[in-house]
């Protein structure tokens, strides 16, 4: 390869000269194998420094060289693959380059971070945290997501302030907008937390007045305050069942209990008289994960579609008093149901309308 850096280092001052040599080698490297070799050597140095208990500052210096090598490798890969056309073509393949698909994806994502954002991130992390490739990959995803969200907001600005079955304002507006005994199903995701218990109580009170007899009110709920939520809703409706949404390959960290939470609950309460559902349904669903393209708390359509399809009929009225960007209303529309949603955030309400026109 022609680029070999001696990884035997001692504590100051010789370590600085090693990093200077590695940086110089990286600057001169113009082939992918050379860049990858420097990347691997920098990682070896970083691991050694960590093992002997060297300072975080010194570890991060090695980590920074590794990151810059990965960024340069990603830039080089993008050019090589573009020049060779399809990555599976006979001209250029990842296998021929000695790079895995995951490495290619990660390195090109790091290379895709704008230079100013990349440099700012390195400076920020090096102050007091461990500098890692994962942190830059997270930044890359955040920047891509921010761009997607900006496009959704831009599209939403063209929408009217009312209409499309979405009301801009709080759920209390539904007391006047909906007739008593007119709603077939409430399906919603209220704010979580102890401070939001009143929202569940108000939701149940509203549902008790507006649901048809035997109609159901389904509400997502975290497990931390599940007993209190059940108690609050039971003042107005009767407990019907609880559904579990298993997270798809991830978990939420519940720090007050040191719990790796891997499922989310959906409470079902009914307006008397209680009746069975129209057909058999499962109370354990595999979640589709949160779709965060519009909002951090946006749920997946598939969960709503299953329960709306099983618990209502075509042309039934589905109401979501905390509709956010309108996922549950979109699910209702896709199944041939009528819908009505409210949200206090005018931008989110407009995004919901953009999905429902």
Protein backbone atom coordinates (compact mmCIF):
# COMPACT_ATOMS: atom_id res chain seq x y z
CA UNK A 1 0.00 0.00 0.00
CA UNK A 2 2.88 2.35 0.75
CA UNK A 3 1.14 4.00 3.75
CA UNK A 4 2.27 2.46 7.02
CA UNK A 5 2.10 4.26 10.31
CA UNK A 6 3.81 2.80 13.37
CA UNK A 7 1.04 2.38 15.98
CA UNK A 8 3.53 2.04 18.87
CA UNK A 9 3.09 5.28 20.72
CA UNK A 10 4.07 6.54 24.11
CA UNK A 11 2.64 9.34 26.11
CA UNK A 12 3.45 12.93 25.29
CA UNK A 13 5.17 14.31 23.38
CA UNK A 14 5.69 11.52 20.81
CA UNK A 15 1.96 10.92 20.39
CA UNK A 16 1.51 14.31 18.73
CA UNK A 17 4.13 13.48 16.11
CA UNK A 18 2.32 10.23 15.33
CA UNK A 19 -0.93 12.10 14.71
CA UNK A 20 0.87 14.64 12.56
CA UNK A 21 2.24 11.83 10.39
CA UNK A 22 -1.16 10.15 10.10
CA UNK A 23 -2.86 13.43 9.14
CA UNK A 24 -0.18 14.10 6.54
CA UNK A 25 -0.61 10.60 5.13
CA UNK A 26 -4.37 11.08 4.91
CA UNK A 27 -3.96 14.38 3.08
CA UNK A 28 -1.72 12.70 0.48
CA UNK A 29 -3.79 9.52 0.11
CA UNK A 30 -5.54 9.42 -3.25
CA UNK A 31 -6.72 5.83 -3.52
CA UNK A 32 -9.45 4.07 -1.58
CA UNK A 33 -7.16 1.32 -0.20
CA UNK A 34 -4.77 3.95 1.18
CA UNK A 35 -7.60 5.87 2.83
CA UNK A 36 -9.11 2.73 4.37
CA UNK A 37 -5.69 1.67 5.71
CA UNK A 38 -5.26 5.02 7.43
CA UNK A 39 -8.78 4.78 8.79
CA UNK A 40 -8.03 1.34 10.26
CA UNK A 41 -4.70 2.44 11.74
CA UNK A 42 -6.32 5.46 13.39
CA UNK A 43 -8.93 3.22 14.94
CA UNK A 44 -6.20 0.91 16.24
CA UNK A 45 -4.49 3.89 17.85
CA UNK A 46 -7.76 5.10 19.38
CA UNK A 47 -8.50 1.68 20.88
CA UNK A 48 -4.97 1.44 22.29
CA UNK A 49 -5.22 4.87 23.90
CA UNK A 50 -8.54 3.93 25.48
CA UNK A 51 -7.16 0.64 26.75
CA UNK A 52 -4.19 2.25 28.52
CA UNK A 53 -6.41 4.94 30.02
CA UNK A 54 -5.13 7.90 28.07
CA UNK A 55 -7.05 11.17 28.14
CA UNK A 56 -10.31 11.59 26.24
CA UNK A 57 -8.69 14.49 24.39
CA UNK A 58 -6.00 12.21 22.99
CA UNK A 59 -8.51 9.47 22.15
CA UNK A 60 -10.63 12.00 20.29
CA UNK A 61 -7.63 13.17 18.28
CA UNK A 62 -7.28 9.65 16.90
CA UNK A 63 -11.04 9.38 16.46
CA UNK A 64 -11.08 12.62 14.48
CA UNK A 65 -8.51 11.27 12.00
CA UNK A 66 -10.57 8.11 11.65
CA UNK A 67 -13.70 10.17 10.95
CA UNK A 68 -11.94 12.32 8.39
CA UNK A 69 -10.67 9.17 6.70
CA UNK A 70 -14.20 7.74 6.61
CA UNK A 71 -15.47 11.01 5.16
CA UNK A 72 -12.78 10.95 2.47
CA UNK A 73 -13.53 7.27 1.79
CA UNK A 74 -17.22 8.15 1.37
CA UNK A 75 -16.40 10.94 -1.06
CA UNK A 76 -14.12 8.62 -3.03
CA UNK A 77 -16.72 5.86 -3.11
CA UNK A 78 -19.37 8.25 -4.41
CA UNK A 79 -17.12 9.18 -7.32
CA UNK A 80 -16.07 5.60 -8.09
CA UNK A 81 -19.60 4.20 -8.01
CA UNK A 82 -20.96 7.05 -10.07
CA UNK A 83 -18.21 6.57 -12.65
CA UNK A 84 -18.88 2.84 -12.74
CA UNK A 85 -22.67 3.19 -12.95
CA UNK A 86 -24.66 0.55 -11.11
CA UNK A 87 -22.76 -0.71 -8.03
CA UNK A 88 -23.59 -4.25 -9.26
CA UNK A 89 -22.13 -3.63 -12.72
CA UNK A 90 -18.93 -5.31 -13.92
CA UNK A 91 -17.09 -1.98 -13.98
CA UNK A 92 -17.10 -1.16 -10.27
CA UNK A 93 -18.49 -3.26 -7.44
CA UNK A 94 -18.19 -2.92 -3.69
CA UNK A 95 -16.76 -6.43 -3.57
CA UNK A 96 -13.98 -5.48 -5.96
CA UNK A 97 -13.29 -2.41 -3.87
CA UNK A 98 -13.10 -4.51 -0.69
CA UNK A 99 -15.88 -2.54 0.96
CA UNK A 100 -19.07 -3.90 2.53
CA UNK A 101 -22.47 -2.47 1.73
CA UNK A 102 -22.80 -1.19 5.30
CA UNK A 103 -19.41 0.53 5.18
CA UNK A 104 -20.29 2.16 1.88
CA UNK A 105 -23.60 3.41 3.24
CA UNK A 106 -22.10 4.73 6.48
CA UNK A 107 -19.11 6.42 4.90
CA UNK A 108 -21.14 8.08 2.17
CA UNK A 109 -23.62 9.32 4.78
CA UNK A 110 -20.72 10.88 6.73
CA UNK A 111 -19.41 12.38 3.48
CA UNK A 112 -22.87 13.84 2.80
CA UNK A 113 -22.86 16.00 5.93
CA UNK A 114 -22.25 19.65 4.90
CA UNK A 115 -18.71 20.74 5.74
CA UNK A 116 -19.75 23.47 8.20
CA UNK A 117 -22.01 21.08 10.11
CA UNK A 118 -19.30 18.40 10.13
CA UNK A 119 -16.65 20.75 11.54
CA UNK A 120 -19.02 22.23 14.13
CA UNK A 121 -19.97 18.74 15.29
CA UNK A 122 -16.35 17.70 15.75
CA UNK A 123 -15.57 20.83 17.79
CA UNK A 124 -18.67 20.35 19.93
CA UNK A 125 -18.05 16.66 20.64
CA UNK A 126 -14.34 17.06 21.35
CA UNK A 127 -15.01 19.43 24.25
CA UNK A 128 -16.13 16.76 26.69
CA UNK A 129 -17.62 13.79 24.86
CA UNK A 130 -16.38 10.77 22.97
CA UNK A 131 -16.14 11.44 19.24
CA UNK A 132 -17.64 8.55 17.26
CA UNK A 133 -18.78 7.69 13.77
CA UNK A 134 -22.22 6.96 15.20
CA UNK A 135 -22.59 10.54 16.39
CA UNK A 136 -21.88 11.85 12.88
CA UNK A 137 -24.27 9.31 11.36
CA UNK A 138 -26.92 10.52 13.79
CA UNK A 139 -26.21 14.08 12.69
CA UNK A 140 -26.55 13.00 9.05
CA UNK A 141 -29.97 11.48 9.72
CA UNK A 142 -31.08 14.58 11.63
CA UNK A 143 -30.06 16.86 8.76
CA UNK A 144 -31.85 14.69 6.19
CA UNK A 145 -34.95 14.57 8.40
CA UNK A 146 -34.84 18.34 8.91
CA UNK A 147 -34.79 18.83 5.14
CA UNK A 148 -37.76 16.49 4.66
CA UNK A 149 -39.71 18.26 7.42
CA UNK A 150 -38.95 21.64 5.90
CA UNK A 151 -40.48 20.43 2.62
CA UNK A 152 -43.62 19.25 4.44
CA UNK A 153 -43.94 22.59 6.23
CA UNK A 154 -43.47 24.42 2.92
CA UNK A 155 -46.21 22.33 1.33
CA UNK A 156 -48.47 22.88 4.34
CA UNK A 157 -48.23 26.65 4.00
CA UNK A 158 -50.26 26.40 0.78
CA UNK A 159 -53.18 24.82 2.64
CA UNK A 160 -56.18 26.73 4.05
CA UNK A 161 -56.59 27.34 7.77
CA UNK A 162 -59.73 25.19 7.95
CA UNK A 163 -61.33 22.35 6.02
CA UNK A 164 -60.54 18.77 4.94
CA UNK A 165 -62.10 17.46 8.15
CA UNK A 166 -59.39 19.07 10.29
CA UNK A 167 -60.19 21.80 12.82
CA UNK A 168 -57.45 24.14 14.00
CA UNK A 169 -57.91 24.49 17.73
CA UNK A 170 -58.38 22.47 20.90
CA UNK A 171 -60.49 19.36 21.28
CA UNK A 172 -63.11 21.30 23.26
CA UNK A 173 -64.31 22.71 19.93
CA UNK A 174 -65.73 19.27 19.22
CA UNK A 175 -68.43 19.76 21.85
CA UNK A 176 -70.19 22.12 19.44
CA UNK A 177 -69.01 20.61 16.17
CA UNK A 178 -70.18 17.03 16.83
CA UNK A 179 -73.74 15.92 17.49
CA UNK A 180 -74.39 13.76 20.53
CA UNK A 181 -74.45 10.00 19.83
CA UNK A 182 -72.98 10.56 16.33
CA UNK A 183 -69.41 9.19 16.48
CA UNK A 184 -68.60 5.55 15.76
CA UNK A 185 -65.02 5.52 17.03
CA UNK A 186 -62.62 7.86 18.81
CA UNK A 187 -59.02 6.99 17.93
CA UNK A 188 -56.31 9.27 19.27
CA UNK A 189 -52.84 9.71 20.77
CA UNK A 190 -53.04 12.28 23.60
CA UNK A 191 -49.94 13.84 25.20
CA UNK A 192 -48.30 11.48 27.69
CA UNK A 193 -47.18 12.19 31.24
CA UNK A 194 -48.63 12.99 34.64
CA UNK A 195 -49.37 16.58 33.61
CA UNK A 196 -51.59 15.29 30.79
CA UNK A 197 -53.97 13.19 32.87
CA UNK A 198 -56.70 15.82 32.50
CA UNK A 199 -56.56 15.36 28.73
CA UNK A 200 -57.58 11.71 29.15
CA UNK A 201 -60.38 12.65 31.51
CA UNK A 202 -61.64 15.34 29.11
CA UNK A 203 -61.34 12.92 26.19
CA UNK A 204 -63.45 10.32 27.97
CA UNK A 205 -66.06 12.92 28.94
CA UNK A 206 -66.28 14.11 25.32
CA UNK A 207 -66.49 10.54 24.02
CA UNK A 208 -69.22 9.67 26.52
CA UNK A 209 -71.40 12.41 25.03
CA UNK A 210 -70.56 12.05 21.34
CA UNK A 211 -70.15 8.28 20.86
CA UNK A 212 -73.02 6.16 19.69
CA UNK A 213 -74.14 3.60 22.27
CA UNK A 214 -71.53 0.78 22.43
CA UNK A 215 -69.03 2.97 20.58
CA UNK A 216 -65.36 2.76 21.53
CA UNK A 217 -62.74 5.32 22.48
CA UNK A 218 -59.15 4.17 21.80
CA UNK A 219 -56.25 6.17 23.24
CA UNK A 220 -52.51 5.54 23.12
CA UNK A 221 -51.01 5.63 26.58
CA UNK A 222 -47.59 5.21 28.18
CA UNK A 223 -47.22 2.63 30.95
CA UNK A 224 -45.79 4.95 33.61
CA UNK A 225 -49.17 6.42 34.57
CA UNK A 226 -51.40 3.70 33.21
CA UNK A 227 -53.39 3.20 36.47
CA UNK A 228 -54.10 6.93 36.74
CA UNK A 229 -55.20 7.14 33.10
CA UNK A 230 -57.52 4.17 33.52
CA UNK A 231 -58.97 5.76 36.64
CA UNK A 232 -59.47 9.12 34.86
CA UNK A 233 -61.23 7.59 31.85
CA UNK A 234 -63.32 5.23 33.98
CA UNK A 235 -65.17 8.20 35.44
CA UNK A 236 -66.97 8.66 32.12
CA UNK A 237 -66.68 5.40 30.16
CA UNK A 238 -66.38 1.68 30.88
CA UNK A 239 -63.10 -0.18 30.46
CA UNK A 240 -63.29 -2.43 27.38
CA UNK A 241 -59.76 -3.76 26.68
CA UNK A 242 -56.07 -2.93 26.33
CA UNK A 243 -54.04 -3.44 23.14
CA UNK A 244 -50.27 -3.80 23.01
CA UNK A 245 -48.15 -2.43 20.17
CA UNK A 246 -44.78 -4.18 20.12
CA UNK A 247 -41.99 -1.88 18.97
CA UNK A 248 -40.35 -2.94 15.73
CA UNK A 249 -36.74 -3.71 16.69
CA UNK A 250 -36.23 -0.87 19.15
CA UNK A 251 -37.03 0.22 22.69
CA UNK A 252 -37.64 3.35 24.70
CA UNK A 253 -35.55 3.98 27.81
CA UNK A 254 -37.74 4.69 30.85
CA UNK A 255 -35.08 6.15 33.15
CA UNK A 256 -37.18 6.55 36.35
CA UNK A 257 -37.72 2.77 36.36
CA UNK A 258 -34.58 1.63 34.47
CA UNK A 259 -36.86 -0.16 32.02
CA UNK A 260 -36.23 -0.96 28.37
CA UNK A 261 -39.78 -0.38 27.20
CA UNK A 262 -40.57 -2.50 24.13
CA UNK A 263 -44.32 -2.02 23.77
CA UNK A 264 -46.93 0.71 23.86
CA UNK A 265 -50.45 0.40 25.17
CA UNK A 266 -53.71 1.49 23.55
CA UNK A 267 -56.59 1.69 26.01
CA UNK A 268 -60.07 0.93 24.76
CA UNK A 269 -63.07 2.31 26.68
CA UNK A 270 -66.70 1.96 25.67
CA UNK A 271 -69.92 3.86 26.00
CA UNK A 272 -72.47 1.41 27.49
CA UNK A 273 -73.84 -1.03 26.69
CA UNK A 274 -70.65 -3.03 26.15
CA UNK A 275 -70.59 -5.23 23.05
CA UNK A 276 -67.98 -7.46 21.38
CA UNK A 277 -66.25 -6.22 18.25
CA UNK A 278 -67.83 -7.11 14.94
CA UNK A 279 -65.11 -9.66 14.22
CA UNK A 280 -62.21 -11.34 16.01
CA UNK A 281 -59.11 -9.20 16.39
CA UNK A 282 -55.70 -9.54 18.02
CA UNK A 283 -54.73 -7.47 21.04
CA UNK A 284 -51.01 -7.76 20.19
CA UNK A 285 -49.81 -5.81 17.15
CA UNK A 286 -46.33 -5.44 15.70
CA UNK A 287 -45.74 -1.73 15.40
CA UNK A 288 -44.56 -0.09 12.23
CA UNK A 289 -42.45 2.38 14.20
CA UNK A 290 -42.87 6.11 14.42
CA UNK A 291 -42.83 7.88 11.09
CA UNK A 292 -40.94 11.04 12.02
CA UNK A 293 -41.01 12.73 8.63
CA UNK A 294 -43.43 15.38 9.88
CA UNK A 295 -43.29 15.23 13.68
CA UNK A 296 -41.42 13.45 16.49
CA UNK A 297 -44.63 11.88 17.76
CA UNK A 298 -46.15 10.79 14.46
CA UNK A 299 -47.40 7.20 14.71
CA UNK A 300 -47.43 4.57 11.97
CA UNK A 301 -50.54 4.24 9.79
CA UNK A 302 -50.55 0.43 9.84
CA UNK A 303 -51.51 0.21 13.53
CA UNK A 304 -54.43 2.57 13.09
CA UNK A 305 -55.57 0.90 9.87
CA UNK A 306 -55.81 -2.51 11.54
CA UNK A 307 -57.85 -1.33 14.51
CA UNK A 308 -60.06 1.06 12.52
CA UNK A 309 -60.80 -1.67 9.98
CA UNK A 310 -61.69 -4.18 12.72
CA UNK A 311 -63.68 -1.82 14.94
CA UNK A 312 -65.67 0.21 12.41
CA UNK A 313 -67.48 -0.04 9.09
CA UNK A 314 -67.23 1.92 5.84
CA UNK A 315 -68.68 5.43 6.15
CA UNK A 316 -68.44 5.34 9.97
CA UNK A 317 -67.23 8.55 11.62
CA UNK A 318 -63.74 8.37 13.18
CA UNK A 319 -62.66 11.26 15.44
CA UNK A 320 -59.14 12.17 16.58
CA UNK A 321 -59.12 15.11 19.05
CA UNK A 322 -55.28 15.20 19.12
CA UNK A 323 -54.66 14.60 15.44
CA UNK A 324 -51.22 16.19 15.04
CA UNK A 325 -50.23 15.74 11.40
CA UNK A 326 -53.29 13.60 10.73
CA UNK A 327 -52.05 9.99 10.56
CA UNK A 328 -55.20 8.46 12.04
CA UNK A 329 -57.45 10.56 9.80
CA UNK A 330 -55.40 9.43 6.79
CA UNK A 331 -55.91 5.82 7.88
CA UNK A 332 -59.65 6.43 8.22
CA UNK A 333 -59.82 7.96 4.74
CA UNK A 334 -57.90 5.05 3.20
CA UNK A 335 -60.51 2.65 4.63
CA UNK A 336 -63.52 4.58 3.36
CA UNK A 337 -64.47 6.07 6.73
CA UNK A 338 -65.43 9.66 7.48
CA UNK A 339 -63.11 11.55 9.78
CA UNK A 340 -62.74 14.61 11.96
CA UNK A 341 -59.61 15.80 13.76
CA UNK A 342 -58.46 18.76 15.82
CA UNK A 343 -55.05 20.13 16.76
CA UNK A 344 -53.96 23.34 18.45
CA UNK A 345 -50.82 23.60 16.30
CA UNK A 346 -51.83 25.46 13.14
CA UNK A 347 -48.85 24.16 11.12
CA UNK A 348 -49.51 20.53 12.06
CA UNK A 349 -53.18 21.01 11.20
CA UNK A 350 -52.17 22.31 7.77
CA UNK A 351 -49.85 19.32 7.27
CA UNK A 352 -52.78 17.06 8.08
CA UNK A 353 -54.92 18.82 5.47
CA UNK A 354 -52.14 18.44 2.90
CA UNK A 355 -52.32 14.65 3.42
CA UNK A 356 -56.09 14.53 3.14
CA UNK A 357 -56.85 16.63 0.05
